[in-house]
C-alpha atoms as a PDB file:
ATOM      1  CA  MET A   1      -6.978  -4.741   4.907  1.00  0.00           C
ATOM      2  CA  THR A   2      -7.625  -3.875   4.374  1.00  0.00           C
ATOM      3  CA  ALA A   3      -9.892  -3.743   1.837  1.00  0.00           C
ATOM      4  CA  ILE A   4      -8.318  -2.397  -1.174  1.00  0.00           C
ATOM      5  CA  LEU A   5     -10.787   0.461  -1.307  1.00  0.00           C
ATOM      6  CA  TRP A   6     -12.288  -0.079  -4.761  1.00  0.00           C
ATOM      7  CA  SER A   7     -15.678   1.636  -5.346  1.00  0.00           C
ATOM      8  CA  ALA A   8     -19.124   0.802  -6.535  1.00  0.00           C
ATOM      9  CA  PRO A   9     -20.049  -1.858  -9.128  1.00  0.00           C
ATOM     10  CA  GLY A  10     -20.226  -0.554 -12.627  1.00  0.00           C
ATOM     11  CA  ARG A  11     -17.597   2.068 -11.943  1.00  0.00           C
ATOM     12  CA  SER A  12     -13.844   1.629 -12.227  1.00  0.00           C
ATOM     13  CA  THR A  13     -12.781   3.760  -9.339  1.00  0.00           C
ATOM     14  CA  MET A  14     -11.238   3.460  -5.967  1.00  0.00           C
ATOM     15  CA  TYR A  15     -10.907   5.678  -2.948  1.00  0.00           C
ATOM     16  CA  GLY A  16      -8.115   8.273  -2.636  1.00  0.00           C
ATOM     17  CA  LEU A  17      -6.872   6.612   0.563  1.00  0.00           C
ATOM     18  CA  VAL A  18      -5.173   3.984  -1.709  1.00  0.00           C
ATOM     19  CA  ASN A  19      -3.403   6.569  -3.804  1.00  0.00           C
ATOM     20  CA  ARG A  20      -2.432   8.609  -0.748  1.00  0.00           C
ATOM     21  CA  ALA A  21      -0.785   5.436   0.701  1.00  0.00           C
ATOM     22  CA  ILE A  22       1.156   4.981  -2.558  1.00  0.00           C
ATOM     23  CA  GLU A  23       2.313   8.595  -2.338  1.00  0.00           C
ATOM     24  CA  GLN A  24       3.464   8.079   1.348  1.00  0.00           C
ATOM     25  CA  LEU A  25       5.362   4.923   0.434  1.00  0.00           C
ATOM     26  CA  VAL A  26       7.193   6.643  -2.419  1.00  0.00           C
ATOM     27  CA  ILE A  27       8.032   9.749  -0.315  1.00  0.00           C
ATOM     28  CA  ALA A  28       9.281   7.394   2.480  1.00  0.00           C
ATOM     29  CA  HIS A  29      11.765   5.754   0.027  1.00  0.00           C
ATOM     30  CA  ARG A  30      12.469   8.509  -2.534  1.00  0.00           C
ATOM     31  CA  GLY A  31      11.418  11.757  -0.944  1.00  0.00           C
ATOM     32  CA  GLU A  32       9.242  14.595  -2.347  1.00  0.00           C
ATOM     33  CA  ASP A  33      11.401  14.740  -5.541  1.00  0.00           C
ATOM     34  CA  GLY A  34      10.871  11.027  -6.107  1.00  0.00           C
ATOM     35  CA  TRP A  35       7.069  11.437  -5.744  1.00  0.00           C
ATOM     36  CA  ALA A  36       7.207  14.384  -8.248  1.00  0.00           C
ATOM     37  CA  ARG A  37       8.982  12.154 -10.723  1.00  0.00           C
ATOM     38  CA  VAL A  38       6.332   9.431 -10.227  1.00  0.00           C
ATOM     39  CA  CYS A  39       3.514  11.896 -10.763  1.00  0.00           C
ATOM     40  CA  LYS A  40       5.094  13.181 -14.024  1.00  0.00           C
ATOM     41  CA  LYS A  41       5.581   9.520 -15.301  1.00  0.00           C
ATOM     42  CA  ALA A  42       2.008   8.761 -14.315  1.00  0.00           C
ATOM     43  CA  ASP A  43       0.712  11.888 -15.964  1.00  0.00           C
ATOM     44  CA  TRP A  44      -0.767  13.031 -12.646  1.00  0.00           C
ATOM     45  CA  SER A  45      -0.628  16.594 -11.310  1.00  0.00           C
ATOM     46  CA  ASP A  46       0.869  16.579  -7.812  1.00  0.00           C
ATOM     47  CA  GLU A  47      -2.180  18.055  -6.190  1.00  0.00           C
ATOM     48  CA  GLY A  48      -2.672  15.259  -3.652  1.00  0.00           C
ATOM     49  CA  PHE A  49      -5.477  12.812  -3.123  1.00  0.00           C
ATOM     50  CA  VAL A  50      -8.614  13.175  -0.953  1.00  0.00           C
ATOM     51  CA  ALA A  51      -9.015   9.971   1.111  1.00  0.00           C
ATOM     52  CA  MET A  52     -12.824   9.751   0.775  1.00  0.00           C
ATOM     53  CA  GLN A  53     -12.952  10.776  -2.871  1.00  0.00           C
ATOM     54  CA  THR A  54     -12.984   8.202  -5.652  1.00  0.00           C
ATOM     55  CA  TYR A  55     -10.469   8.188  -8.539  1.00  0.00           C
ATOM     56  CA  ASP A  56     -10.446   6.211 -11.755  1.00  0.00           C
ATOM     57  CA  ASP A  57      -8.589   2.910 -11.433  1.00  0.00           C
ATOM     58  CA  ALA A  58      -6.432   4.043 -14.303  1.00  0.00           C
ATOM     59  CA  VAL A  59      -4.804   6.567 -12.041  1.00  0.00           C
ATOM     60  CA  THR A  60      -3.740   3.971  -9.585  1.00  0.00           C
ATOM     61  CA  TYR A  61      -2.475   1.605 -12.168  1.00  0.00           C
ATOM     62  CA  ARG A  62      -0.421   4.433 -13.821  1.00  0.00           C
ATOM     63  CA  LEU A  63       1.007   5.230 -10.414  1.00  0.00           C
ATOM     64  CA  VAL A  64       2.084   1.647  -9.831  1.00  0.00           C
ATOM     65  CA  GLY A  65       3.726   1.634 -13.326  1.00  0.00           C
ATOM     66  CA  ALA A  66       5.526   4.864 -12.597  1.00  0.00           C
ATOM     67  CA  VAL A  67       6.670   3.633  -9.149  1.00  0.00           C
ATOM     68  CA  SER A  68       7.992   0.479 -10.864  1.00  0.00           C
ATOM     69  CA  GLU A  69       9.934   2.600 -13.290  1.00  0.00           C
ATOM     70  CA  GLU A  70      11.213   4.945 -10.567  1.00  0.00           C
ATOM     71  CA  LEU A  71      12.368   2.173  -8.315  1.00  0.00           C
ATOM     72  CA  GLY A  72      13.560  -0.223 -11.018  1.00  0.00           C
ATOM     73  CA  LEU A  73      11.256  -2.990  -9.725  1.00  0.00           C
ATOM     74  CA  HIS A  74       8.741  -5.249 -11.474  1.00  0.00           C
ATOM     75  CA  ALA A  75       5.171  -4.054 -10.816  1.00  0.00           C
ATOM     76  CA  SER A  76       4.491  -7.253  -8.880  1.00  0.00           C
ATOM     77  CA  GLU A  77       7.353  -6.291  -6.436  1.00  0.00           C
ATOM     78  CA  VAL A  78       5.897  -2.793  -6.061  1.00  0.00           C
ATOM     79  CA  LEU A  79       2.401  -4.257  -5.324  1.00  0.00           C
ATOM     80  CA  LYS A  80       3.818  -6.658  -2.783  1.00  0.00           C
ATOM     81  CA  ALA A  81       5.766  -3.894  -1.013  1.00  0.00           C
ATOM     82  CA  PHE A  82       2.671  -1.706  -1.143  1.00  0.00           C
ATOM     83  CA  GLY A  83       0.572  -4.522   0.424  1.00  0.00           C
ATOM     84  CA  GLU A  84       2.889  -4.740   3.409  1.00  0.00           C
ATOM     85  CA  TYR A  85       2.936  -0.955   3.756  1.00  0.00           C
ATOM     86  CA  TRP A  86      -0.864  -0.798   3.483  1.00  0.00           C
ATOM     87  CA  ILE A  87      -1.187  -2.568   6.815  1.00  0.00           C
ATOM     88  CA  LEU A  88       0.954   0.030   8.622  1.00  0.00           C
ATOM     89  CA  TYR A  89      -0.539   2.973   6.746  1.00  0.00           C
ATOM     90  CA  THR A  90      -4.135   2.060   7.473  1.00  0.00           C
ATOM     91  CA  ALA A  91      -3.371   1.530  11.081  1.00  0.00           C
ATOM     92  CA  GLU A  92      -1.793   5.079  11.239  1.00  0.00           C
ATOM     93  CA  GLU A  93      -4.706   6.582   9.330  1.00  0.00           C
ATOM     94  CA  GLY A  94      -7.324   5.698  11.819  1.00  0.00           C
ATOM     95  CA  TYR A  95      -8.090   2.154  11.070  1.00  0.00           C
ATOM     96  CA  GLY A  96      -5.884   0.564  13.718  1.00  0.00           C
ATOM     97  CA  ALA A  97      -8.817  -0.175  16.054  1.00  0.00           C
ATOM     98  CA  MET A  98     -10.771  -1.783  13.294  1.00  0.00           C
ATOM     99  CA  LEU A  99      -7.741  -3.979  12.353  1.00  0.00           C
ATOM    100  CA  SER A 100      -7.390  -4.967  16.041  1.00  0.00           C
ATOM    101  CA  MET A 101     -11.037  -6.001  16.187  1.00  0.00           C
ATOM    102  CA  CYS A 102     -10.480  -8.607  13.482  1.00  0.00           C
ATOM    103  CA  GLY A 103      -8.176 -10.652  15.432  1.00  0.00           C
ATOM    104  CA  ASN A 104      -4.643 -10.884  16.867  1.00  0.00           C
ATOM    105  CA  ASN A 105      -3.382 -13.682  14.675  1.00  0.00           C
ATOM    106  CA  ILE A 106      -3.250 -14.380  10.996  1.00  0.00           C
ATOM    107  CA  LYS A 107      -5.880 -17.113  11.034  1.00  0.00           C
ATOM    108  CA  ASP A 108      -8.509 -15.104  12.985  1.00  0.00           C
ATOM    109  CA  PHE A 109      -7.896 -11.976  10.992  1.00  0.00           C
ATOM    110  CA  LEU A 110      -8.195 -13.693   7.671  1.00  0.00           C
ATOM    111  CA  THR A 111     -11.345 -15.432   8.765  1.00  0.00           C
ATOM    112  CA  GLY A 112     -12.922 -12.091   9.633  1.00  0.00           C
ATOM    113  CA  MET A 113     -11.902 -10.002   6.631  1.00  0.00           C
ATOM    114  CA  ASN A 114     -15.265 -10.032   4.867  1.00  0.00           C
ATOM    115  CA  GLN A 115     -16.929  -8.870   8.023  1.00  0.00           C
ATOM    116  CA  MET A 116     -14.377  -6.096   8.358  1.00  0.00           C
ATOM    117  CA  HIS A 117     -15.157  -5.061   4.754  1.00  0.00           C
ATOM    118  CA  ALA A 118     -18.862  -4.848   5.625  1.00  0.00           C
ATOM    119  CA  ARG A 119     -17.956  -2.505   8.520  1.00  0.00           C
ATOM    120  CA  ILE A 120     -15.792  -0.327   6.303  1.00  0.00           C
ATOM    121  CA  ALA A 121     -18.751  -0.088   3.817  1.00  0.00           C
ATOM    122  CA  VAL A 122     -20.628   1.927   6.466  1.00  0.00           C
ATOM    123  CA  THR A 123     -18.320   4.861   6.029  1.00  0.00           C
ATOM    124  CA  MET A 124     -17.323   4.077   2.405  1.00  0.00           C
ATOM    125  CA  PRO A 125     -20.566   3.135   0.752  1.00  0.00           C
ATOM    126  CA  ASN A 126     -19.054   2.912  -2.643  1.00  0.00           C
ATOM    127  CA  ILE A 127     -16.453   0.363  -1.720  1.00  0.00           C
ATOM    128  CA  ARG A 128     -16.288  -2.776  -3.847  1.00  0.00           C
ATOM    129  CA  PRO A 129     -13.897  -4.952  -1.743  1.00  0.00           C
ATOM    130  CA  PRO A 130     -12.506  -8.394  -2.756  1.00  0.00           C
ATOM    131  CA  HIS A 131     -13.921 -11.482  -1.212  1.00  0.00           C
ATOM    132  CA  PHE A 132     -11.866 -14.002   0.831  1.00  0.00           C
ATOM    133  CA  THR A 133     -12.622 -17.633   1.638  1.00  0.00           C
ATOM    134  CA  ILE A 134     -10.399 -19.494   4.158  1.00  0.00           C
ATOM    135  CA  LYS A 135     -10.026 -23.246   4.064  1.00  0.00           C
ATOM    136  CA  GLU A 136      -8.105 -25.044   6.757  1.00  0.00           C
ATOM    137  CA  VAL A 137      -5.822 -27.627   5.227  1.00  0.00           C
ATOM    138  CA  GLY A 138      -4.086 -28.606   8.364  1.00  0.00           C
ATOM    139  CA  GLU A 139      -3.394 -27.333  11.861  1.00  0.00           C
ATOM    140  CA  ASN A 140      -1.034 -24.673  10.709  1.00  0.00           C
ATOM    141  CA  GLU A 141      -1.855 -24.531   6.972  1.00  0.00           C
ATOM    142  CA  LEU A 142      -4.616 -22.411   5.270  1.00  0.00           C
ATOM    143  CA  ASN A 143      -5.696 -21.893   1.717  1.00  0.00           C
ATOM    144  CA  LEU A 144      -6.781 -18.374   1.095  1.00  0.00           C
ATOM    145  CA  ILE A 145      -9.105 -18.003  -1.915  1.00  0.00           C
ATOM    146  CA  TYR A 146      -9.097 -14.410  -3.201  1.00  0.00           C
ATOM    147  CA  GLU A 147     -11.836 -13.109  -5.575  1.00  0.00           C
ATOM    148  CA  SER A 148     -11.768  -9.677  -7.105  1.00  0.00           C
ATOM    149  CA  ASP A 149     -13.164  -7.851 -10.082  1.00  0.00           C
ATOM    150  CA  ARG A 150      -9.738  -6.569 -10.837  1.00  0.00           C
ATOM    151  CA  ASP A 151      -6.846  -8.432 -12.294  1.00  0.00           C
ATOM    152  CA  GLY A 152      -3.165  -8.399 -11.282  1.00  0.00           C
ATOM    153  CA  LEU A 153      -3.442  -7.687  -7.624  1.00  0.00           C
ATOM    154  CA  ALA A 154      -2.420 -11.127  -6.184  1.00  0.00           C
ATOM    155  CA  PRO A 155       1.103  -9.776  -5.354  1.00  0.00           C
ATOM    156  CA  MET A 156      -0.578  -7.029  -3.288  1.00  0.00           C
ATOM    157  CA  VAL A 157      -2.578  -9.644  -1.370  1.00  0.00           C
ATOM    158  CA  GLU A 158       0.712 -11.542  -0.707  1.00  0.00           C
ATOM    159  CA  GLY A 159       2.143  -8.328   0.717  1.00  0.00           C
ATOM    160  CA  LEU A 160      -0.921  -7.649   2.794  1.00  0.00           C
ATOM    161  CA  ILE A 161      -0.698 -11.117   4.328  1.00  0.00           C
ATOM    162  CA  SER A 162       3.048 -10.681   4.977  1.00  0.00           C
ATOM    163  CA  GLY A 163       2.267  -7.267   6.624  1.00  0.00           C
ATOM    164  CA  LEU A 164      -0.326  -8.850   8.853  1.00  0.00           C
ATOM    165  CA  ALA A 165       2.172 -11.589   9.899  1.00  0.00           C
ATOM    166  CA  LYS A 166       4.625  -8.807  10.912  1.00  0.00           C
ATOM    167  CA  ARG A 167       1.887  -6.954  12.760  1.00  0.00           C
ATOM    168  CA  PHE A 168       1.101 -10.125  14.660  1.00  0.00           C
ATOM    169  CA  GLY A 169       4.753 -11.199  15.184  1.00  0.00           C
ATOM    170  CA  GLN A 170       4.096 -14.445  13.348  1.00  0.00           C
ATOM    171  CA  ARG A 171       6.308 -16.164  10.856  1.00  0.00           C
ATOM    172  CA  ILE A 172       4.606 -17.447   7.783  1.00  0.00           C
ATOM    173  CA  SER A 173       5.232 -18.850   4.389  1.00  0.00           C
ATOM    174  CA  ILE A 174       2.990 -17.758   1.519  1.00  0.00           C
ATOM    175  CA  GLU A 175       2.717 -19.200  -1.925  1.00  0.00           C
ATOM    176  CA  LEU A 176       0.393 -18.535  -4.846  1.00  0.00           C
ATOM    177  CA  ILE A 177      -0.752 -22.041  -5.783  1.00  0.00           C
ATOM    178  CA  GLN A 178      -3.419 -21.017  -8.358  1.00  0.00           C
ATOM    179  CA  ALA A 179      -3.358 -17.795 -10.361  1.00  0.00           C
ATOM    180  CA  LYS A 180      -6.536 -16.236 -11.534  1.00  0.00           C
ATOM    181  CA  SER A 181      -7.251 -17.187 -15.242  1.00  0.00           C
ATOM    182  CA  ARG A 182     -10.205 -17.879 -17.452  1.00  0.00           C
ATOM    183  CA  GLU A 183     -10.172 -21.496 -16.355  1.00  0.00           C
ATOM    184  CA  ALA A 184      -9.740 -20.563 -12.653  1.00  0.00           C
ATOM    185  CA  PRO A 185     -11.390 -17.183 -11.866  1.00  0.00           C
ATOM    186  CA  LYS A 186      -9.861 -17.000  -8.334  1.00  0.00           C
ATOM    187  CA  ASP A 187      -6.313 -16.705  -6.902  1.00  0.00           C
ATOM    188  CA  VAL A 188      -5.456 -19.262  -4.271  1.00  0.00           C
ATOM    189  CA  PHE A 189      -2.651 -18.904  -1.700  1.00  0.00           C
ATOM    190  CA  ARG A 190      -1.247 -21.503   0.536  1.00  0.00           C
ATOM    191  CA  ILE A 191      -0.229 -20.073   3.943  1.00  0.00           C
ATOM    192  CA  LEU A 192       1.823 -22.024   6.361  1.00  0.00           C
ATOM    193  CA  ILE A 193       1.966 -20.583   9.920  1.00  0.00           C
ATOM    194  CA  LEU A 194       5.399 -21.354  11.193  1.00  0.00           C
ATOM    195  CA  ASP A 195       5.004 -20.139  14.737  1.00  0.00           C
END
């Protein structure tokens, strides 16, 4: 997860793999011309992204804004769609085996995400991943507590979880029950596993 590949503390950057995935998602839905329009709106030259190079967070946020404008969707919808796409994209970009090691169902995978991020840090030493805590509420109900230095990414987490459910062939219901704020510094999702 699928770490969102943010980089080292004190720096506001993330790895190019994230931006390359945004590029591929746009090209899949709008073609090369659509990507060129997104780059222009985001004030980014269409020179491509290097997966293991870090880029300022502002580049990614501008890309999300430009994709939102290009597709006529709210940024939260873009982030959710990107979250789902990220699962497929990372599997295709050579991380499929690592994803498989984390489990073959939602509960096991979510429980092992922090360990997966630790393994990713071996090859991406500047990664600054989010932290996840899982609390079992019932037999098929989990609360996922999401902590990140960055604001506004809860819709992407929702998309990531939906993408995982599709990967595992599980039906789920996911709801944000607590949004990050000054009073509550963490996002909390309720996940119902329907089968």
